[in-house]
Amino acid sequence: MRLLARFTRISAALILTSGYCFAQTAPPGPNVGKPPVTATPAVNPQESVLLANLYMQTSAEYAAVCLQTYSLALERLKTKLAARAVGDLKPAVVMDLDETVIDNSGFQSFIDREKLNYSDALWDVWEKSYPDEVRLIPGAKAFIAGAENLGVTVVYLSNRLTKNSAGTASALTRLGLNTEGLTDRLLLKEAGGSSDKTARRKSADQKYLILMYFGDNLRDFSEEFAAPKLAETDDAGQLKAIAERRAKVDRAAYRWGNDWIILPNPVYGEWQKLLGKDPRTKLNKTRMTVPAAK
């Protein structure tokens, strides 16, 4: 869900106009654009997600969770296939791409190294020109191969941009994923269009018998999980919205692990929109105090 608001809000005062940003990352591709250069701030805006990035990039625990998730999902898919009523529609699964199937940690490393906030302009260059740096989420390739071997079509529903579809297809090809008929299976977002995936989900549902959905953000499953637009200082409203989203998750308990499969993403997502100006106000309260010195 890369095009949703992420990390901290972009500081307009830092945005300048020339384009050297990616020059230090890798040899530029043939279609490299010119993302805006930003002045280097005194404090790295990515400091708050450093441990989250390191968890996803280095921890064996993260890999184990993803492998476990996809292994159990394949077994669940087999059960659902055996139980389905035979009909005219071909069975399919719908999968988000970023941080669900493909790993964009190289982009996270870039904005951390350059001390930048996320921006759509920078992400656009990553999508279009750096497919060679995209990796696989552990377990995703094996699940996809297993699903296809069972006769299940894999549909990719992503908020990557249609104008950069060649870069996305290149990434999937390089990672060894099946791209046969990809044009019909790749449901991307139009430039300037909505991040709401509802219409694209419906289009897939009309064409296939959708057995399972996969994502790392709750909006990959339903727009009811979208965070409301609130003032950055509306602490009470944010706390209420956090509780409401959690209640909706609880009400959908019968779907998690059944037809809705979610992957962990502690770096960015819809949840981050509700942290406000002072995220520490969202931490659970405690009565514990520092013990008196003896």
Protein backbone atom coordinates (compact mmCIF):
# COMPACT_ATOMS: atom_id res chain seq x y z
CA MET A 1 0.00 0.00 0.00
CA ARG A 2 2.75 2.25 -0.87
CA LEU A 3 0.68 5.17 -2.02
CA LEU A 4 -1.10 5.60 1.29
CA ALA A 5 0.29 8.25 3.63
CA ARG A 6 3.29 6.88 5.42
CA PHE A 7 5.79 7.61 8.13
CA THR A 8 5.54 11.27 9.22
CA ARG A 9 3.88 13.91 7.07
CA ILE A 10 6.05 15.32 4.33
CA SER A 11 7.54 18.65 5.33
CA ALA A 12 6.94 21.00 2.43
CA ALA A 13 9.76 23.22 3.59
CA LEU A 14 12.22 20.44 2.77
CA ILE A 15 11.12 19.90 -0.83
CA LEU A 16 13.40 21.50 -3.43
CA THR A 17 13.41 21.03 -7.16
CA SER A 18 16.47 19.32 -8.68
CA GLY A 19 17.14 15.62 -8.93
CA TYR A 20 20.26 13.95 -7.66
CA CYS A 21 18.61 11.65 -5.08
CA PHE A 22 18.99 8.29 -6.78
CA ALA A 23 22.42 8.93 -8.21
CA GLN A 24 24.10 7.37 -5.20
CA THR A 25 21.78 4.35 -5.02
CA ALA A 26 22.40 2.42 -8.24
CA PRO A 27 23.22 3.07 -11.89
CA PRO A 28 20.19 4.90 -13.29
CA GLY A 29 17.82 2.94 -15.49
CA PRO A 30 16.78 4.17 -18.92
CA ASN A 31 13.60 5.83 -17.65
CA VAL A 32 14.85 7.33 -14.42
CA GLY A 33 12.89 10.44 -13.56
CA LYS A 34 14.10 13.38 -11.55
CA PRO A 35 12.67 13.18 -8.04
CA PRO A 36 12.98 16.29 -5.91
CA VAL A 37 16.11 16.71 -3.86
CA THR A 38 15.48 17.47 -0.22
CA ALA A 39 17.68 19.36 2.16
CA THR A 40 19.30 17.11 4.75
CA PRO A 41 17.52 17.65 8.09
CA ALA A 42 19.38 17.70 11.39
CA VAL A 43 17.36 14.68 12.55
CA ASN A 44 16.70 11.73 10.25
CA PRO A 45 12.88 11.53 9.82
CA GLN A 46 13.26 7.75 9.41
CA GLU A 47 14.75 7.33 12.88
CA SER A 48 11.32 6.45 14.29
CA VAL A 49 11.02 3.39 12.02
CA LEU A 50 14.63 2.23 12.13
CA LEU A 51 13.93 -0.80 14.31
CA ALA A 52 10.86 -1.69 12.26
CA ASN A 53 12.97 -1.61 9.09
CA LEU A 54 15.68 -3.69 10.74
CA TYR A 55 13.09 -6.19 11.97
CA MET A 56 11.78 -6.74 8.43
CA GLN A 57 15.22 -6.74 6.82
CA THR A 58 17.31 -8.73 9.31
CA SER A 59 15.22 -10.73 11.75
CA ALA A 60 14.80 -14.45 11.27
CA GLU A 61 11.58 -14.05 13.25
CA TYR A 62 10.02 -11.94 10.49
CA ALA A 63 10.97 -14.54 7.88
CA ALA A 64 9.51 -17.28 10.07
CA VAL A 65 6.18 -15.45 10.45
CA CYS A 66 5.88 -14.98 6.68
CA LEU A 67 6.84 -18.60 5.93
CA GLN A 68 4.35 -19.80 8.54
CA THR A 69 1.59 -17.58 7.15
CA TYR A 70 2.02 -18.74 3.58
CA SER A 71 2.41 -22.40 4.53
CA LEU A 72 -0.85 -22.38 6.49
CA ALA A 73 -2.54 -20.35 3.74
CA LEU A 74 -1.73 -23.00 1.14
CA GLU A 75 -3.26 -25.71 3.31
CA ARG A 76 -6.32 -23.54 3.81
CA LEU A 77 -6.55 -22.99 0.05
CA LYS A 78 -6.55 -26.74 -0.57
CA THR A 79 -9.42 -27.13 1.90
CA LYS A 80 -11.42 -24.36 0.26
CA LEU A 81 -10.86 -25.83 -3.18
CA ALA A 82 -12.08 -29.23 -2.06
CA ALA A 83 -15.21 -27.71 -0.51
CA ARG A 84 -16.18 -25.32 -3.30
CA ALA A 85 -19.17 -25.95 -5.50
CA VAL A 86 -18.16 -26.46 -9.10
CA GLY A 87 -19.32 -23.51 -11.18
CA ASP A 88 -18.51 -21.47 -14.25
CA LEU A 89 -15.99 -19.16 -12.57
CA LYS A 90 -12.34 -20.12 -12.30
CA PRO A 91 -11.00 -20.12 -8.71
CA ALA A 92 -8.55 -17.36 -7.84
CA VAL A 93 -6.74 -15.62 -5.00
CA VAL A 94 -6.22 -11.86 -4.88
CA MET A 95 -2.87 -10.65 -3.56
CA ASP A 96 -1.52 -7.21 -2.75
CA LEU A 97 2.06 -6.74 -3.98
CA ASP A 98 4.15 -4.41 -1.81
CA GLU A 99 5.17 -6.05 1.46
CA THR A 100 2.80 -8.93 0.69
CA VAL A 101 4.49 -10.56 -2.30
CA ILE A 102 7.43 -8.25 -2.96
CA ASP A 103 9.88 -6.66 -0.54
CA ASN A 104 10.74 -2.98 -1.07
CA SER A 105 13.29 -2.69 1.73
CA GLY A 106 15.75 -1.14 -0.73
CA PHE A 107 13.49 1.91 -0.94
CA GLN A 108 13.31 2.08 2.86
CA SER A 109 17.10 1.91 3.01
CA PHE A 110 17.35 4.72 0.46
CA ILE A 111 15.12 7.20 2.30
CA ASP A 112 16.85 6.31 5.58
CA ARG A 113 20.30 6.83 4.10
CA GLU A 114 19.32 10.16 2.53
CA LYS A 115 17.33 11.27 5.63
CA LEU A 116 14.18 11.83 3.59
CA ASN A 117 10.47 11.64 4.22
CA TYR A 118 8.45 9.37 1.95
CA SER A 119 7.06 11.12 -1.12
CA ASP A 120 5.04 9.87 -4.08
CA ALA A 121 7.65 11.40 -6.40
CA LEU A 122 10.43 9.26 -4.94
CA TRP A 123 8.25 6.14 -4.86
CA ASP A 124 7.32 6.72 -8.52
CA VAL A 125 11.00 6.53 -9.49
CA TRP A 126 11.44 3.35 -7.41
CA GLU A 127 8.48 1.67 -9.12
CA LYS A 128 9.55 2.64 -12.60
CA SER A 129 13.32 2.36 -12.56
CA TYR A 130 14.50 0.02 -9.81
CA PRO A 131 12.72 -3.33 -10.33
CA ASP A 132 16.12 -5.00 -10.03
CA GLU A 133 16.25 -4.08 -6.33
CA VAL A 134 12.88 -5.59 -5.40
CA ARG A 135 12.99 -8.85 -3.43
CA LEU A 136 10.49 -11.53 -2.44
CA ILE A 137 8.57 -11.77 0.82
CA PRO A 138 9.53 -15.15 2.38
CA GLY A 139 7.06 -17.88 1.42
CA ALA A 140 5.22 -15.86 -1.24
CA LYS A 141 6.80 -17.55 -4.26
CA ALA A 142 6.16 -21.05 -2.92
CA PHE A 143 2.54 -20.19 -2.16
CA ILE A 144 1.95 -18.70 -5.59
CA ALA A 145 3.49 -21.72 -7.31
CA GLY A 146 1.42 -24.04 -5.12
CA ALA A 147 -1.78 -22.15 -5.90
CA GLU A 148 -1.12 -22.19 -9.63
CA ASN A 149 -0.32 -25.90 -9.52
CA LEU A 150 -3.77 -26.39 -7.98
CA GLY A 151 -5.34 -24.57 -10.93
CA VAL A 152 -5.91 -21.30 -9.03
CA THR A 153 -5.36 -17.98 -10.81
CA VAL A 154 -3.27 -15.43 -8.90
CA VAL A 155 -4.57 -11.87 -9.32
CA TYR A 156 -2.40 -8.97 -8.13
CA LEU A 157 -4.31 -5.98 -6.75
CA SER A 158 -1.93 -3.13 -5.95
CA ASN A 159 -1.79 0.63 -5.64
CA ARG A 160 1.31 0.67 -7.76
CA LEU A 161 0.63 2.85 -10.80
CA THR A 162 -0.53 1.59 -14.18
CA LYS A 163 1.93 3.95 -15.88
CA ASN A 164 4.74 2.00 -14.19
CA SER A 165 3.33 -1.44 -15.00
CA ALA A 166 6.39 -2.33 -17.07
CA GLY A 167 8.63 -1.86 -14.01
CA THR A 168 6.30 -3.95 -11.87
CA ALA A 169 6.15 -6.72 -14.48
CA SER A 170 9.92 -6.62 -14.78
CA ALA A 171 10.27 -7.10 -11.02
CA LEU A 172 7.91 -10.09 -11.01
CA THR A 173 9.71 -11.65 -13.97
CA ARG A 174 13.14 -11.22 -12.38
CA LEU A 175 11.86 -12.83 -9.18
CA GLY A 176 10.78 -15.89 -11.12
CA LEU A 177 7.04 -15.45 -10.71
CA ASN A 178 4.69 -16.56 -13.45
CA THR A 179 3.77 -13.59 -15.67
CA GLU A 180 1.70 -15.44 -18.27
CA GLY A 181 -1.47 -13.43 -18.87
CA LEU A 182 -0.23 -10.83 -16.37
CA THR A 183 -1.94 -7.93 -18.14
CA ASP A 184 -5.33 -9.34 -17.16
CA ARG A 185 -4.19 -10.28 -13.66
CA LEU A 186 -2.47 -7.03 -12.67
CA LEU A 187 -4.98 -4.55 -11.24
CA LEU A 188 -3.10 -1.33 -10.60
CA LYS A 189 -4.03 2.24 -9.73
CA GLU A 190 -4.43 4.98 -12.31
CA ALA A 191 -2.30 8.07 -11.76
CA GLY A 192 -4.34 10.52 -9.72
CA GLY A 193 -6.90 7.82 -8.96
CA SER A 194 -8.22 6.62 -5.63
CA SER A 195 -6.32 4.26 -3.33
CA ASP A 196 -9.68 2.62 -2.60
CA LYS A 197 -9.45 -0.91 -4.05
CA THR A 198 -13.18 -1.67 -3.81
CA ALA A 199 -14.00 -1.29 -7.51
CA ARG A 200 -11.00 -3.37 -8.57
CA ARG A 201 -11.91 -6.07 -6.04
CA LYS A 202 -15.42 -6.17 -7.51
CA SER A 203 -14.07 -6.50 -11.04
CA ALA A 204 -11.99 -9.52 -9.97
CA ASP A 205 -14.98 -10.97 -8.13
CA GLN A 206 -17.09 -10.79 -11.27
CA LYS A 207 -14.48 -12.66 -13.30
CA TYR A 208 -13.28 -15.26 -10.78
CA LEU A 209 -14.40 -17.24 -7.78
CA ILE A 210 -12.22 -15.49 -5.21
CA LEU A 211 -11.22 -17.92 -2.48
CA MET A 212 -8.75 -15.79 -0.51
CA TYR A 213 -7.37 -12.26 -0.21
CA PHE A 214 -3.81 -11.42 0.90
CA GLY A 215 -2.41 -8.10 2.14
CA ASP A 216 -0.32 -6.26 4.72
CA ASN A 217 -2.79 -3.42 5.25
CA LEU A 218 -6.41 -3.80 6.36
CA ARG A 219 -7.57 -1.73 3.39
CA ASP A 220 -6.33 -4.60 1.20
CA PHE A 221 -9.43 -6.45 2.44
CA SER A 222 -12.12 -3.83 2.93
CA GLU A 223 -12.44 -0.07 2.79
CA GLU A 224 -14.28 -0.17 6.12
CA PHE A 225 -10.82 -0.26 7.73
CA ALA A 226 -9.78 3.09 6.24
CA ALA A 227 -8.61 5.56 8.86
CA PRO A 228 -10.79 8.69 9.07
CA LYS A 229 -9.26 12.02 8.18
CA LEU A 230 -8.55 13.80 11.46
CA ALA A 231 -6.57 16.81 12.55
CA GLU A 232 -3.02 15.87 13.56
CA THR A 233 -3.73 17.25 17.03
CA ASP A 234 -7.08 15.44 17.51
CA ASP A 235 -5.78 12.98 20.08
CA ALA A 236 -9.24 11.96 21.32
CA GLY A 237 -10.50 11.37 17.79
CA GLN A 238 -7.43 9.30 16.94
CA LEU A 239 -7.83 7.12 20.03
CA LYS A 240 -11.49 6.57 19.18
CA ALA A 241 -10.65 5.63 15.59
CA ILE A 242 -7.92 3.24 16.75
CA ALA A 243 -10.45 1.50 19.02
CA GLU A 244 -13.05 1.35 16.24
CA ARG A 245 -10.62 -0.22 13.76
CA ARG A 246 -9.64 -2.81 16.35
CA ALA A 247 -13.33 -3.58 17.03
CA LYS A 248 -13.91 -4.10 13.30
CA VAL A 249 -11.00 -6.54 13.22
CA ASP A 250 -12.52 -8.44 16.15
CA ARG A 251 -15.90 -8.59 14.40
CA ALA A 252 -14.19 -10.08 11.34
CA ALA A 253 -12.39 -12.73 13.42
CA TYR A 254 -13.99 -15.53 11.40
CA ARG A 255 -12.23 -14.28 8.25
CA TRP A 256 -8.63 -14.01 9.48
CA GLY A 257 -6.78 -17.16 8.46
CA ASN A 258 -9.83 -18.27 6.49
CA ASP A 259 -10.25 -16.09 3.40
CA TRP A 260 -8.37 -13.00 4.64
CA ILE A 261 -4.63 -13.57 5.13
CA ILE A 262 -2.57 -10.68 6.49
CA LEU A 263 1.22 -10.29 6.53
CA PRO A 264 3.07 -8.20 9.15
CA ASN A 265 4.27 -4.69 8.25
CA PRO A 266 5.51 -2.59 11.18
CA VAL A 267 7.05 0.08 8.93
CA TYR A 268 4.07 1.80 7.30
CA GLY A 269 0.35 1.45 6.71
CA GLU A 270 -3.13 2.79 7.40
CA TRP A 271 -2.59 2.47 11.16
CA GLN A 272 0.09 5.16 11.06
CA LYS A 273 -2.41 7.84 10.04
CA LEU A 274 -3.89 7.71 13.55
CA LEU A 275 -0.70 8.30 15.55
CA GLY A 276 -0.95 12.08 15.45
CA LYS A 277 1.64 14.67 16.31
CA ASP A 278 2.80 12.87 19.44
CA PRO A 279 2.64 9.09 18.88
CA ARG A 280 3.64 8.38 22.49
CA THR A 281 0.15 9.45 23.58
CA LYS A 282 -1.09 6.23 21.94
CA LEU A 283 1.02 3.95 24.12
CA ASN A 284 -0.88 1.90 26.71
CA LYS A 285 -0.97 3.58 30.10
CA THR A 286 0.68 1.97 33.11
CA ARG A 287 0.74 2.58 36.86
CA MET A 288 4.32 1.35 37.17
CA THR A 289 6.84 3.80 38.58
CA VAL A 290 10.60 3.80 38.86
CA PRO A 291 11.56 1.87 42.03
CA ALA A 292 13.11 3.96 44.78
CA ALA A 293 16.87 3.62 45.09
CA LYS A 294 17.97 1.39 47.96
